[in-house]
């Protein structure tokens, strides 16, 4: 959650700075409490909980760790559904 709050604030500030410099339309402000309401005790976030609930419905899925700001996302899990016999 802390990383999400910090990143949302940084995106807003960057967009606002761009607006003041007349280079962009501005940044979208997301209140901290809105982000924190997305917490899930088991999976960390509601988004991750939803992903875990539906990932078996897709032919393949991947999970990347992008927790290092400015770093390259790292593949931490990938799965491919086996083809069903006809």
PDB file of N, CA and C in Angstrom:
ATOM      1  N   UNK A   1       0.817  -1.196   0.000  1.00  0.00           N
ATOM      2  CA  UNK A   1       0.000   0.000   0.000  1.00  0.00           C
ATOM      3  C   UNK A   1       0.858   1.256   0.000  1.00  0.00           C
ATOM      4  N   UNK A   2       1.938   1.235   0.766  1.00  0.00           N
ATOM      5  CA  UNK A   2       2.785   2.437   0.850  1.00  0.00           C
ATOM      6  C   UNK A   2       3.353   2.794  -0.521  1.00  0.00           C
ATOM      7  N   UNK A   3       3.772   1.782  -1.264  1.00  0.00           N
ATOM      8  CA  UNK A   3       4.322   2.014  -2.606  1.00  0.00           C
ATOM      9  C   UNK A   3       3.234   2.569  -3.524  1.00  0.00           C
ATOM     10  N   UNK A   4       2.029   2.050  -3.421  1.00  0.00           N
ATOM     11  CA  UNK A   4       0.920   2.538  -4.249  1.00  0.00           C
ATOM     12  C   UNK A   4       0.584   3.988  -3.945  1.00  0.00           C
ATOM     13  N   UNK A   5       0.535   4.325  -2.673  1.00  0.00           N
ATOM     14  CA  UNK A   5       0.238   5.705  -2.272  1.00  0.00           C
ATOM     15  C   UNK A   5       1.331   6.641  -2.790  1.00  0.00           C
ATOM     16  N   UNK A   6       2.582   6.256  -2.610  1.00  0.00           N
ATOM     17  CA  UNK A   6       3.699   7.100  -3.051  1.00  0.00           C
ATOM     18  C   UNK A   6       3.694   7.272  -4.566  1.00  0.00           C
ATOM     19  N   UNK A   7       3.436   6.206  -5.300  1.00  0.00           N
ATOM     20  CA  UNK A   7       3.432   6.299  -6.769  1.00  0.00           C
ATOM     21  C   UNK A   7       2.277   7.155  -7.275  1.00  0.00           C
ATOM     22  N   UNK A   8       1.103   7.016  -6.670  1.00  0.00           N
ATOM     23  CA  UNK A   8      -0.038   7.840  -7.082  1.00  0.00           C
ATOM     24  C   UNK A   8       0.253   9.315  -6.838  1.00  0.00           C
ATOM     25  N   UNK A   9       0.844   9.624  -5.702  1.00  0.00           N
ATOM     26  CA  UNK A   9       1.202  11.005  -5.390  1.00  0.00           C
ATOM     27  C   UNK A   9       2.238  11.533  -6.386  1.00  0.00           C
ATOM     28  N   UNK A  10       3.227  10.713  -6.706  1.00  0.00           N
ATOM     29  CA  UNK A  10       4.272  11.133  -7.656  1.00  0.00           C
ATOM     30  C   UNK A  10       3.688  11.367  -9.046  1.00  0.00           C
ATOM     31  N   UNK A  11       2.778  10.486  -9.490  1.00  0.00           N
ATOM     32  CA  UNK A  11       2.152  10.681 -10.811  1.00  0.00           C
ATOM     33  C   UNK A  11       1.351  11.975 -10.838  1.00  0.00           C
ATOM     34  N   UNK A  12       0.635  12.254  -9.745  1.00  0.00           N
ATOM     35  CA  UNK A  12      -0.151  13.483  -9.686  1.00  0.00           C
ATOM     36  C   UNK A  12       0.767  14.705  -9.734  1.00  0.00           C
ATOM     37  N   UNK A  13       1.817  14.684  -8.936  1.00  0.00           N
ATOM     38  CA  UNK A  13       2.740  15.826  -8.904  1.00  0.00           C
ATOM     39  C   UNK A  13       3.419  16.036 -10.252  1.00  0.00           C
ATOM     40  N   UNK A  14       3.842  14.951 -10.890  1.00  0.00           N
ATOM     41  CA  UNK A  14       4.490  15.055 -12.202  1.00  0.00           C
ATOM     42  C   UNK A  14       3.523  15.641 -13.227  1.00  0.00           C
ATOM     43  N   UNK A  15       2.289  15.153 -13.212  1.00  0.00           N
ATOM     44  CA  UNK A  15       1.290  15.681 -14.135  1.00  0.00           C
ATOM     45  C   UNK A  15       0.964  17.137 -13.865  1.00  0.00           C
ATOM     46  N   UNK A  16       0.888  17.498 -12.596  1.00  0.00           N
ATOM     47  CA  UNK A  16       0.599  18.887 -12.239  1.00  0.00           C
ATOM     48  C   UNK A  16       1.754  19.807 -12.656  1.00  0.00           C
ATOM     49  N   UNK A  17       2.977  19.348 -12.454  1.00  0.00           N
ATOM     50  CA  UNK A  17       4.131  20.132 -12.896  1.00  0.00           C
ATOM     51  C   UNK A  17       4.103  20.326 -14.406  1.00  0.00           C
ATOM     52  N   UNK A  18       3.714  19.282 -15.134  1.00  0.00           N
ATOM     53  CA  UNK A  18       3.583  19.393 -16.584  1.00  0.00           C
ATOM     54  C   UNK A  18       2.510  20.376 -16.981  1.00  0.00           C
ATOM     55  N   UNK A  19       1.424  20.401 -16.223  1.00  0.00           N
ATOM     56  CA  UNK A  19       0.345  21.357 -16.479  1.00  0.00           C
ATOM     57  C   UNK A  19       0.832  22.786 -16.263  1.00  0.00           C
ATOM     58  N   UNK A  20       1.537  22.995 -15.152  1.00  0.00           N
ATOM     59  CA  UNK A  20       2.046  24.342 -14.866  1.00  0.00           C
ATOM     60  C   UNK A  20       3.045  24.804 -15.920  1.00  0.00           C
ATOM     61  N   UNK A  21       3.770  23.849 -16.491  1.00  0.00           N
ATOM     62  CA  UNK A  21       4.742  24.173 -17.538  1.00  0.00           C
ATOM     63  C   UNK A  21       4.093  24.187 -18.925  1.00  0.00           C
ATOM     64  N   UNK A  22       2.786  24.007 -18.967  1.00  0.00           N
ATOM     65  CA  UNK A  22       2.021  23.980 -20.213  1.00  0.00           C
ATOM     66  C   UNK A  22       2.480  22.873 -21.164  1.00  0.00           C
ATOM     67  N   UNK A  23       2.859  21.730 -20.580  1.00  0.00           N
ATOM     68  CA  UNK A  23       3.314  20.589 -21.380  1.00  0.00           C
ATOM     69  C   UNK A  23       2.351  19.409 -21.318  1.00  0.00           C
ATOM     70  N   UNK A  24       1.398  19.450 -20.398  1.00  0.00           N
ATOM     71  CA  UNK A  24       0.431  18.353 -20.298  1.00  0.00           C
ATOM     72  C   UNK A  24      -0.875  18.891 -19.726  1.00  0.00           C
ATOM     73  N   UNK A  25      -1.869  18.019 -19.681  1.00  0.00           N
ATOM     74  CA  UNK A  25      -3.182  18.421 -19.171  1.00  0.00           C
ATOM     75  C   UNK A  25      -3.284  18.297 -17.659  1.00  0.00           C
ATOM     76  N   UNK A  26      -2.259  17.787 -17.034  1.00  0.00           N
ATOM     77  CA  UNK A  26      -2.278  17.665 -15.579  1.00  0.00           C
ATOM     78  C   UNK A  26      -2.319  16.224 -15.130  1.00  0.00           C
ATOM     79  N   UNK A  27      -2.170  16.031 -13.823  1.00  0.00           N
ATOM     80  CA  UNK A  27      -2.170  14.686 -13.259  1.00  0.00           C
ATOM     81  C   UNK A  27      -3.470  14.401 -12.542  1.00  0.00           C
ATOM     82  N   UNK A  28      -3.854  13.154 -12.538  1.00  0.00           N
ATOM     83  CA  UNK A  28      -5.085  12.736 -11.870  1.00  0.00           C
ATOM     84  C   UNK A  28      -4.795  12.525 -10.391  1.00  0.00           C
ATOM     85  N   UNK A  29      -5.536  13.192  -9.549  1.00  0.00           N
ATOM     86  CA  UNK A  29      -5.366  13.050  -8.110  1.00  0.00           C
ATOM     87  C   UNK A  29      -6.195  11.874  -7.619  1.00  0.00           C
ATOM     88  N   UNK A  30      -5.553  10.948  -6.902  1.00  0.00           N
ATOM     89  CA  UNK A  30      -6.248   9.824  -6.277  1.00  0.00           C
ATOM     90  C   UNK A  30      -6.032   9.947  -4.770  1.00  0.00           C
ATOM     91  N   UNK A  31      -7.088  10.188  -4.011  1.00  0.00           N
ATOM     92  CA  UNK A  31      -6.934  10.336  -2.564  1.00  0.00           C
ATOM     93  C   UNK A  31      -6.351   9.069  -1.922  1.00  0.00           C
ATOM     94  N   UNK A  32      -5.521   9.270  -0.923  1.00  0.00           N
ATOM     95  CA  UNK A  32      -4.864   8.161  -0.233  1.00  0.00           C
ATOM     96  C   UNK A  32      -5.867   7.150   0.303  1.00  0.00           C
ATOM     97  N   UNK A  33      -6.982   7.625   0.852  1.00  0.00           N
ATOM     98  CA  UNK A  33      -7.959   6.695   1.423  1.00  0.00           C
ATOM     99  C   UNK A  33      -8.599   5.811   0.359  1.00  0.00           C
ATOM    100  N   UNK A  34      -8.714   6.294  -0.863  1.00  0.00           N
ATOM    101  CA  UNK A  34      -9.248   5.478  -1.956  1.00  0.00           C
ATOM    102  C   UNK A  34      -8.290   4.316  -2.244  1.00  0.00           C
ATOM    103  N   UNK A  35      -7.016   4.607  -2.243  1.00  0.00           N
ATOM    104  CA  UNK A  35      -6.015   3.567  -2.472  1.00  0.00           C
ATOM    105  C   UNK A  35      -6.028   2.565  -1.325  1.00  0.00           C
ATOM    106  N   UNK A  36      -6.040   3.056  -0.114  1.00  0.00           N
ATOM    107  CA  UNK A  36      -5.990   2.169   1.056  1.00  0.00           C
ATOM    108  C   UNK A  36      -7.241   1.283   1.176  1.00  0.00           C
ATOM    109  N   UNK A  37      -8.360   1.742   0.651  1.00  0.00           N
ATOM    110  CA  UNK A  37      -9.574   0.910   0.681  1.00  0.00           C
ATOM    111  C   UNK A  37      -9.456  -0.302  -0.234  1.00  0.00           C
ATOM    112  N   UNK A  38      -8.459  -0.311  -1.094  1.00  0.00           N
ATOM    113  CA  UNK A  38      -8.246  -1.437  -2.008  1.00  0.00           C
ATOM    114  C   UNK A  38      -7.392  -2.534  -1.385  1.00  0.00           C
ATOM    115  N   UNK A  39      -7.029  -2.377  -0.123  1.00  0.00           N
ATOM    116  CA  UNK A  39      -6.193  -3.370   0.564  1.00  0.00           C
ATOM    117  C   UNK A  39      -6.967  -4.668   0.778  1.00  0.00           C
ATOM    118  N   UNK A  40      -6.254  -5.769   0.720  1.00  0.00           N
ATOM    119  CA  UNK A  40      -6.820  -7.079   1.012  1.00  0.00           C
ATOM    120  C   UNK A  40      -5.830  -7.809   1.915  1.00  0.00           C
ATOM    121  N   UNK A  41      -6.314  -8.334   3.020  1.00  0.00           N
ATOM    122  CA  UNK A  41      -5.419  -8.944   4.002  1.00  0.00           C
ATOM    123  C   UNK A  41      -4.723 -10.191   3.472  1.00  0.00           C
ATOM    124  N   UNK A  42      -5.353 -10.912   2.568  1.00  0.00           N
ATOM    125  CA  UNK A  42      -4.746 -12.137   2.045  1.00  0.00           C
ATOM    126  C   UNK A  42      -3.796 -11.877   0.884  1.00  0.00           C
ATOM    127  N   UNK A  43      -4.220 -11.063  -0.086  1.00  0.00           N
ATOM    128  CA  UNK A  43      -3.452 -10.868  -1.311  1.00  0.00           C
ATOM    129  C   UNK A  43      -2.737  -9.529  -1.401  1.00  0.00           C
ATOM    130  N   UNK A  44      -2.996  -8.637  -0.497  1.00  0.00           N
ATOM    131  CA  UNK A  44      -2.351  -7.328  -0.536  1.00  0.00           C
ATOM    132  C   UNK A  44      -3.226  -6.259  -1.154  1.00  0.00           C
ATOM    133  N   UNK A  45      -3.950  -6.626  -2.222  1.00  0.00           N
ATOM    134  CA  UNK A  45      -4.856  -5.670  -2.856  1.00  0.00           C
ATOM    135  C   UNK A  45      -6.042  -6.406  -3.461  1.00  0.00           C
ATOM    136  N   UNK A  46      -7.131  -5.681  -3.636  1.00  0.00           N
ATOM    137  CA  UNK A  46      -8.323  -6.239  -4.268  1.00  0.00           C
ATOM    138  C   UNK A  46      -8.001  -6.633  -5.702  1.00  0.00           C
ATOM    139  N   UNK A  47      -7.166  -5.844  -6.380  1.00  0.00           N
ATOM    140  CA  UNK A  47      -6.787  -6.179  -7.752  1.00  0.00           C
ATOM    141  C   UNK A  47      -6.122  -7.547  -7.815  1.00  0.00           C
ATOM    142  N   UNK A  48      -5.175  -7.796  -6.910  1.00  0.00           N
ATOM    143  CA  UNK A  48      -4.485  -9.091  -6.899  1.00  0.00           C
ATOM    144  C   UNK A  48      -5.452 -10.213  -6.544  1.00  0.00           C
ATOM    145  N   UNK A  49      -6.348  -9.970  -5.609  1.00  0.00           N
ATOM    146  CA  UNK A  49      -7.336 -10.975  -5.228  1.00  0.00           C
ATOM    147  C   UNK A  49      -8.195 -11.358  -6.431  1.00  0.00           C
ATOM    148  N   UNK A  50      -8.623 -10.364  -7.198  1.00  0.00           N
ATOM    149  CA  UNK A  50      -9.434 -10.616  -8.393  1.00  0.00           C
ATOM    150  C   UNK A  50      -8.633 -11.391  -9.422  1.00  0.00           C
ATOM    151  N   UNK A  51      -7.372 -10.989  -9.624  1.00  0.00           N
ATOM    152  CA  UNK A  51      -6.503 -11.701 -10.569  1.00  0.00           C
ATOM    153  C   UNK A  51      -6.395 -13.169 -10.189  1.00  0.00           C
ATOM    154  N   UNK A  52      -6.146 -13.445  -8.914  1.00  0.00           N
ATOM    155  CA  UNK A  52      -5.991 -14.824  -8.460  1.00  0.00           C
ATOM    156  C   UNK A  52      -7.284 -15.621  -8.675  1.00  0.00           C
ATOM    157  N   UNK A  53      -8.431 -14.966  -8.540  1.00  0.00           N
ATOM    158  CA  UNK A  53      -9.718 -15.640  -8.700  1.00  0.00           C
ATOM    159  C   UNK A  53     -10.021 -15.994 -10.149  1.00  0.00           C
ATOM    160  N   UNK A  54      -9.501 -15.224 -11.109  1.00  0.00           N
ATOM    161  CA  UNK A  54      -9.857 -15.451 -12.514  1.00  0.00           C
ATOM    162  C   UNK A  54      -8.710 -15.954 -13.384  1.00  0.00           C
ATOM    163  N   UNK A  55      -7.507 -16.035 -12.878  1.00  0.00           N
ATOM    164  CA  UNK A  55      -6.358 -16.370 -13.735  1.00  0.00           C
ATOM    165  C   UNK A  55      -6.479 -17.739 -14.403  1.00  0.00           C
ATOM    166  N   UNK A  56      -7.206 -18.662 -13.785  1.00  0.00           N
ATOM    167  CA  UNK A  56      -7.349 -19.985 -14.391  1.00  0.00           C
ATOM    168  C   UNK A  56      -8.307 -19.992 -15.586  1.00  0.00           C
ATOM    169  N   UNK A  57      -8.955 -18.882 -15.854  1.00  0.00           N
ATOM    170  CA  UNK A  57      -9.862 -18.772 -16.989  1.00  0.00           C
ATOM    171  C   UNK A  57      -9.138 -18.371 -18.280  1.00  0.00           C
ATOM    172  N   UNK A  58      -7.852 -18.064 -18.176  1.00  0.00           N
ATOM    173  CA  UNK A  58      -7.072 -17.615 -19.322  1.00  0.00           C
ATOM    174  C   UNK A  58      -6.092 -18.696 -19.762  1.00  0.00           C
ATOM    175  N   UNK A  59      -5.678 -18.635 -21.013  1.00  0.00           N
ATOM    176  CA  UNK A  59      -4.718 -19.605 -21.538  1.00  0.00           C
ATOM    177  C   UNK A  59      -3.351 -19.463 -20.881  1.00  0.00           C
ATOM    178  N   UNK A  60      -2.993 -18.248 -20.524  1.00  0.00           N
ATOM    179  CA  UNK A  60      -1.701 -18.022 -19.866  1.00  0.00           C
ATOM    180  C   UNK A  60      -1.782 -16.747 -19.036  1.00  0.00           C
ATOM    181  N   UNK A  61      -0.881 -16.639 -18.075  1.00  0.00           N
ATOM    182  CA  UNK A  61      -0.802 -15.418 -17.275  1.00  0.00           C
ATOM    183  C   UNK A  61       0.613 -15.261 -16.740  1.00  0.00           C
ATOM    184  N   UNK A  62       0.958 -14.036 -16.406  1.00  0.00           N
ATOM    185  CA  UNK A  62       2.280 -13.711 -15.879  1.00  0.00           C
ATOM    186  C   UNK A  62       2.142 -12.698 -14.759  1.00  0.00           C
ATOM    187  N   UNK A  63       3.021 -12.804 -13.777  1.00  0.00           N
ATOM    188  CA  UNK A  63       3.074 -11.832 -12.688  1.00  0.00           C
ATOM    189  C   UNK A  63       4.475 -11.245 -12.672  1.00  0.00           C
ATOM    190  N   UNK A  64       4.540  -9.925 -12.672  1.00  0.00           N
ATOM    191  CA  UNK A  64       5.812  -9.225 -12.646  1.00  0.00           C
ATOM    192  C   UNK A  64       5.943  -8.423 -11.362  1.00  0.00           C
ATOM    193  N   UNK A  65       7.142  -8.358 -10.829  1.00  0.00           N
ATOM    194  CA  UNK A  65       7.445  -7.496  -9.685  1.00  0.00           C
ATOM    195  C   UNK A  65       7.995  -6.192 -10.244  1.00  0.00           C
ATOM    196  N   UNK A  66       7.255  -5.112 -10.062  1.00  0.00           N
ATOM    197  CA  UNK A  66       7.715  -3.797 -10.522  1.00  0.00           C
ATOM    198  C   UNK A  66       7.889  -2.850  -9.333  1.00  0.00           C
ATOM    199  N   UNK A  67       8.288  -3.414  -8.197  1.00  0.00           N
ATOM    200  CA  UNK A  67       8.370  -2.633  -6.971  1.00  0.00           C
ATOM    201  C   UNK A  67       9.574  -1.707  -6.898  1.00  0.00           C
ATOM    202  N   UNK A  68      10.534  -1.871  -7.788  1.00  0.00           N
ATOM    203  CA  UNK A  68      11.708  -0.994  -7.790  1.00  0.00           C
ATOM    204  C   UNK A  68      11.445   0.152  -8.757  1.00  0.00           C
ATOM    205  N   UNK A  69      11.271   1.352  -8.214  1.00  0.00           N
ATOM    206  CA  UNK A  69      11.010   2.513  -9.069  1.00  0.00           C
ATOM    207  C   UNK A  69      12.158   2.722 -10.039  1.00  0.00           C
ATOM    208  N   UNK A  70      11.816   2.874 -11.314  1.00  0.00           N
ATOM    209  CA  UNK A  70      12.826   3.077 -12.345  1.00  0.00           C
ATOM    210  C   UNK A  70      13.503   1.795 -12.783  1.00  0.00           C
ATOM    211  N   UNK A  71      13.177   0.683 -12.149  1.00  0.00           N
ATOM    212  CA  UNK A  71      13.778  -0.596 -12.501  1.00  0.00           C
ATOM    213  C   UNK A  71      12.956  -1.336 -13.539  1.00  0.00           C
ATOM    214  N   UNK A  72      13.546  -2.375 -14.066  1.00  0.00           N
ATOM    215  CA  UNK A  72      12.859  -3.209 -15.040  1.00  0.00           C
ATOM    216  C   UNK A  72      11.994  -4.222 -14.287  1.00  0.00           C
ATOM    217  N   UNK A  73      10.717  -4.359 -14.646  1.00  0.00           N
ATOM    218  CA  UNK A  73       9.886  -5.365 -13.989  1.00  0.00           C
ATOM    219  C   UNK A  73      10.488  -6.763 -14.152  1.00  0.00           C
ATOM    220  N   UNK A  74      10.400  -7.561 -13.096  1.00  0.00           N
ATOM    221  CA  UNK A  74      10.982  -8.897 -13.080  1.00  0.00           C
ATOM    222  C   UNK A  74       9.864  -9.936 -13.071  1.00  0.00           C
ATOM    223  N   UNK A  75       9.932 -10.879 -13.989  1.00  0.00           N
ATOM    224  CA  UNK A  75       8.949 -11.950 -14.037  1.00  0.00           C
ATOM    225  C   UNK A  75       9.121 -12.842 -12.809  1.00  0.00           C
ATOM    226  N   UNK A  76       8.063 -13.003 -12.016  1.00  0.00           N
ATOM    227  CA  UNK A  76       8.150 -13.832 -10.813  1.00  0.00           C
ATOM    228  C   UNK A  76       7.282 -15.086 -10.907  1.00  0.00           C
ATOM    229  N   UNK A  77       6.310 -15.085 -11.813  1.00  0.00           N
ATOM    230  CA  UNK A  77       5.465 -16.267 -11.986  1.00  0.00           C
ATOM    231  C   UNK A  77       4.826 -16.230 -13.360  1.00  0.00           C
ATOM    232  N   UNK A  78       4.778 -17.375 -14.000  1.00  0.00           N
ATOM    233  CA  UNK A  78       4.099 -17.489 -15.285  1.00  0.00           C
ATOM    234  C   UNK A  78       3.459 -18.863 -15.349  1.00  0.00           C
ATOM    235  N   UNK A  79       2.305 -18.935 -15.962  1.00  0.00           N
ATOM    236  CA  UNK A  79       1.663 -20.224 -16.121  1.00  0.00           C
ATOM    237  C   UNK A  79       0.988 -20.299 -17.485  1.00  0.00           C
ATOM    238  N   UNK A  80       0.926 -21.507 -17.988  1.00  0.00           N
ATOM    239  CA  UNK A  80       0.311 -21.769 -19.284  1.00  0.00           C
ATOM    240  C   UNK A  80      -0.653 -22.914 -19.077  1.00  0.00           C
ATOM    241  N   UNK A  81      -1.896 -22.734 -19.467  1.00  0.00           N
ATOM    242  CA  UNK A  81      -2.878 -23.791 -19.310  1.00  0.00           C
ATOM    243  C   UNK A  81      -2.598 -24.866 -20.340  1.00  0.00           C
ATOM    244  N   UNK A  82      -2.639 -26.103 -19.897  1.00  0.00           N
ATOM    245  CA  UNK A  82      -2.439 -27.212 -20.817  1.00  0.00           C
ATOM    246  C   UNK A  82      -3.646 -27.307 -21.730  1.00  0.00           C
ATOM    247  N   UNK A  83      -3.373 -27.630 -22.996  1.00  0.00           N
ATOM    248  CA  UNK A  83      -4.487 -27.751 -23.949  1.00  0.00           C
ATOM    249  C   UNK A  83      -5.346 -28.939 -23.586  1.00  0.00           C
ATOM    250  N   UNK A  84      -6.629 -28.712 -23.646  1.00  0.00           N
ATOM    251  CA  UNK A  84      -7.569 -29.775 -23.325  1.00  0.00           C
ATOM    252  C   UNK A  84      -7.702 -30.715 -24.512  1.00  0.00           C
ATOM    253  N   UNK A  85      -7.857 -31.983 -24.222  1.00  0.00           N
ATOM    254  CA  UNK A  85      -8.052 -32.978 -25.287  1.00  0.00           C
ATOM    255  C   UNK A  85      -9.392 -32.746 -25.945  1.00  0.00           C
ATOM    256  N   UNK A  86      -9.429 -32.879 -27.252  1.00  0.00           N
ATOM    257  CA  UNK A  86     -10.688 -32.689 -27.995  1.00  0.00           C
ATOM    258  C   UNK A  86     -11.545 -33.909 -27.942  1.00  0.00           C
TER     259      UNK A  86
END
